């Protein structure tokens, strides 16, 4: 987990809870990521308008884990529940994932 002061952790947790009151704690974070999606027609990754801090968190209700990118570019954050339908692959510096709707994305540090 990146270094974050106790006050910074509490502020970030409070901000996340405004969007999801079931969040209980931050498990990990990274200060800057950019989200890409895979475009099958072009057979390439395309950068989206989502970039910012990535938070991995624990919840008190199902699903018990999730992650979000708090977007610095606009008001649309990425929110993904971690469940059995989410597939991950780590290919440094990318974290690739596919969700239940078969939407393939990559977060890059």
C-alpha atoms as a PDB file:
ATOM      1  CA  UNK A   1       0.000   0.000   0.000  1.00  0.00           C
ATOM      2  CA  UNK A   2       1.280   3.430  -0.816  1.00  0.00           C
ATOM      3  CA  UNK A   3       2.106   5.655   2.107  1.00  0.00           C
ATOM      4  CA  UNK A   4      -0.911   7.595   3.294  1.00  0.00           C
ATOM      5  CA  UNK A   5      -1.142   9.416   6.606  1.00  0.00           C
ATOM      6  CA  UNK A   6      -3.768   8.334   9.119  1.00  0.00           C
ATOM      7  CA  UNK A   7      -5.680  11.558   8.432  1.00  0.00           C
ATOM      8  CA  UNK A   8      -5.393  10.924   4.686  1.00  0.00           C
ATOM      9  CA  UNK A   9      -6.717   7.378   5.127  1.00  0.00           C
ATOM     10  CA  UNK A  10      -9.683   8.619   7.154  1.00  0.00           C
ATOM     11  CA  UNK A  11     -10.498  11.332   4.595  1.00  0.00           C
ATOM     12  CA  UNK A  12     -10.274   8.880   1.696  1.00  0.00           C
ATOM     13  CA  UNK A  13     -12.420   6.330   3.529  1.00  0.00           C
ATOM     14  CA  UNK A  14     -15.043   8.977   4.330  1.00  0.00           C
ATOM     15  CA  UNK A  15     -15.128  10.064   0.673  1.00  0.00           C
ATOM     16  CA  UNK A  16     -15.531   6.458  -0.523  1.00  0.00           C
ATOM     17  CA  UNK A  17     -18.321   5.854   2.017  1.00  0.00           C
ATOM     18  CA  UNK A  18     -20.292   8.753   0.495  1.00  0.00           C
ATOM     19  CA  UNK A  19     -20.634   6.615  -2.646  1.00  0.00           C
ATOM     20  CA  UNK A  20     -20.936   3.246  -0.866  1.00  0.00           C
ATOM     21  CA  UNK A  21     -21.845   3.207   2.848  1.00  0.00           C
ATOM     22  CA  UNK A  22     -20.915  -0.505   3.106  1.00  0.00           C
ATOM     23  CA  UNK A  23     -17.190   0.186   2.632  1.00  0.00           C
ATOM     24  CA  UNK A  24     -15.410  -0.594   5.905  1.00  0.00           C
ATOM     25  CA  UNK A  25     -11.714  -0.157   5.104  1.00  0.00           C
ATOM     26  CA  UNK A  26      -9.162   0.513   2.393  1.00  0.00           C
ATOM     27  CA  UNK A  27      -7.113  -2.615   1.628  1.00  0.00           C
ATOM     28  CA  UNK A  28      -4.712  -1.012  -0.846  1.00  0.00           C
ATOM     29  CA  UNK A  29      -4.287   1.991  -3.108  1.00  0.00           C
ATOM     30  CA  UNK A  30      -2.095   3.446  -5.790  1.00  0.00           C
ATOM     31  CA  UNK A  31      -1.882   7.147  -6.443  1.00  0.00           C
ATOM     32  CA  UNK A  32      -2.148   7.292 -10.226  1.00  0.00           C
ATOM     33  CA  UNK A  33      -3.662   4.893 -12.744  1.00  0.00           C
ATOM     34  CA  UNK A  34      -5.241   5.304 -16.169  1.00  0.00           C
ATOM     35  CA  UNK A  35      -8.021   3.060 -17.472  1.00  0.00           C
ATOM     36  CA  UNK A  36      -7.900   1.539 -20.958  1.00  0.00           C
ATOM     37  CA  UNK A  37     -10.538  -0.617 -22.687  1.00  0.00           C
ATOM     38  CA  UNK A  38      -9.977  -3.169 -25.409  1.00  0.00           C
ATOM     39  CA  UNK A  39     -11.553  -2.384 -28.784  1.00  0.00           C
ATOM     40  CA  UNK A  40     -12.003  -5.675 -30.699  1.00  0.00           C
ATOM     41  CA  UNK A  41     -12.702  -3.960 -34.051  1.00  0.00           C
ATOM     42  CA  UNK A  42      -9.390  -2.102 -33.956  1.00  0.00           C
ATOM     43  CA  UNK A  43      -7.701  -4.957 -32.039  1.00  0.00           C
ATOM     44  CA  UNK A  44      -6.058  -2.469 -29.688  1.00  0.00           C
ATOM     45  CA  UNK A  45      -6.310  -0.869 -26.266  1.00  0.00           C
ATOM     46  CA  UNK A  46      -7.830   2.614 -26.109  1.00  0.00           C
ATOM     47  CA  UNK A  47      -7.349   5.090 -23.275  1.00  0.00           C
ATOM     48  CA  UNK A  48     -10.571   6.182 -21.562  1.00  0.00           C
ATOM     49  CA  UNK A  49     -11.374   9.433 -19.779  1.00  0.00           C
ATOM     50  CA  UNK A  50     -10.860   7.782 -16.387  1.00  0.00           C
ATOM     51  CA  UNK A  51      -7.635   8.285 -14.449  1.00  0.00           C
ATOM     52  CA  UNK A  52      -6.831   8.957 -10.846  1.00  0.00           C
ATOM     53  CA  UNK A  53      -6.319   7.117  -7.562  1.00  0.00           C
ATOM     54  CA  UNK A  54      -7.154   3.403  -7.428  1.00  0.00           C
ATOM     55  CA  UNK A  55      -8.621   2.166  -4.135  1.00  0.00           C
ATOM     56  CA  UNK A  56      -9.145  -1.495  -3.264  1.00  0.00           C
ATOM     57  CA  UNK A  57     -11.555  -1.802  -0.352  1.00  0.00           C
ATOM     58  CA  UNK A  58     -13.439  -4.147   1.963  1.00  0.00           C
ATOM     59  CA  UNK A  59     -17.230  -4.026   2.388  1.00  0.00           C
ATOM     60  CA  UNK A  60     -19.566  -5.231   5.138  1.00  0.00           C
ATOM     61  CA  UNK A  61     -22.071  -6.570   2.571  1.00  0.00           C
ATOM     62  CA  UNK A  62     -21.777  -8.764  -0.498  1.00  0.00           C
ATOM     63  CA  UNK A  63     -19.679  -8.397  -2.563  1.00  0.00           C
ATOM     64  CA  UNK A  64     -17.165  -8.097   0.258  1.00  0.00           C
ATOM     65  CA  UNK A  65     -14.450  -6.445  -1.837  1.00  0.00           C
ATOM     66  CA  UNK A  66     -14.331  -3.930  -4.650  1.00  0.00           C
ATOM     67  CA  UNK A  67     -12.184  -1.331  -6.283  1.00  0.00           C
ATOM     68  CA  UNK A  68     -12.725   2.131  -7.638  1.00  0.00           C
ATOM     69  CA  UNK A  69     -10.765   4.706  -9.569  1.00  0.00           C
ATOM     70  CA  UNK A  70     -11.588   8.154  -8.224  1.00  0.00           C
ATOM     71  CA  UNK A  71     -11.503  10.068 -11.482  1.00  0.00           C
ATOM     72  CA  UNK A  72      -9.526  13.316 -11.676  1.00  0.00           C
ATOM     73  CA  UNK A  73     -10.697  14.116 -15.210  1.00  0.00           C
ATOM     74  CA  UNK A  74     -14.462  14.274 -14.640  1.00  0.00           C
ATOM     75  CA  UNK A  75     -17.218  13.181 -12.253  1.00  0.00           C
ATOM     76  CA  UNK A  76     -17.472   9.592 -13.560  1.00  0.00           C
ATOM     77  CA  UNK A  77     -15.594   7.187 -11.280  1.00  0.00           C
ATOM     78  CA  UNK A  78     -14.989   3.534 -12.133  1.00  0.00           C
ATOM     79  CA  UNK A  79     -16.540   1.164  -9.586  1.00  0.00           C
ATOM     80  CA  UNK A  80     -16.054  -2.613  -9.869  1.00  0.00           C
ATOM     81  CA  UNK A  81     -17.233  -5.231  -7.380  1.00  0.00           C
ATOM     82  CA  UNK A  82     -14.836  -8.127  -6.876  1.00  0.00           C
ATOM     83  CA  UNK A  83     -16.849 -11.302  -7.380  1.00  0.00           C
ATOM     84  CA  UNK A  84     -16.581 -14.714  -9.047  1.00  0.00           C
ATOM     85  CA  UNK A  85     -17.203 -13.218 -12.488  1.00  0.00           C
ATOM     86  CA  UNK A  86     -14.194 -10.872 -12.357  1.00  0.00           C
ATOM     87  CA  UNK A  87     -11.011 -12.203 -13.982  1.00  0.00           C
ATOM     88  CA  UNK A  88      -7.562 -10.661 -13.350  1.00  0.00           C
ATOM     89  CA  UNK A  89      -4.160 -10.931 -15.019  1.00  0.00           C
ATOM     90  CA  UNK A  90      -1.063  -8.987 -14.020  1.00  0.00           C
ATOM     91  CA  UNK A  91       1.164  -7.929 -16.927  1.00  0.00           C
ATOM     92  CA  UNK A  92       3.448  -5.221 -15.496  1.00  0.00           C
ATOM     93  CA  UNK A  93       2.764  -2.300 -15.630  1.00  0.00           C
ATOM     94  CA  UNK A  94      -0.841  -3.292 -16.474  1.00  0.00           C
ATOM     95  CA  UNK A  95      -3.514  -4.998 -14.399  1.00  0.00           C
ATOM     96  CA  UNK A  96      -5.906  -6.553 -16.912  1.00  0.00           C
ATOM     97  CA  UNK A  97      -9.403  -7.569 -15.937  1.00  0.00           C
ATOM     98  CA  UNK A  98     -12.661  -8.735 -17.460  1.00  0.00           C
ATOM     99  CA  UNK A  99     -15.973  -8.269 -15.672  1.00  0.00           C
ATOM    100  CA  UNK A 100     -19.274 -10.187 -15.874  1.00  0.00           C
ATOM    101  CA  UNK A 101     -20.366  -8.304 -18.991  1.00  0.00           C
ATOM    102  CA  UNK A 102     -17.129  -9.475 -20.719  1.00  0.00           C
ATOM    103  CA  UNK A 103     -15.856  -5.906 -20.728  1.00  0.00           C
ATOM    104  CA  UNK A 104     -12.054  -6.052 -20.899  1.00  0.00           C
ATOM    105  CA  UNK A 105     -10.111  -3.253 -19.241  1.00  0.00           C
ATOM    106  CA  UNK A 106      -6.612  -2.471 -18.108  1.00  0.00           C
ATOM    107  CA  UNK A 107      -5.401  -0.157 -15.377  1.00  0.00           C
ATOM    108  CA  UNK A 108      -1.905   1.202 -15.826  1.00  0.00           C
ATOM    109  CA  UNK A 109       0.272   2.779 -13.174  1.00  0.00           C
END
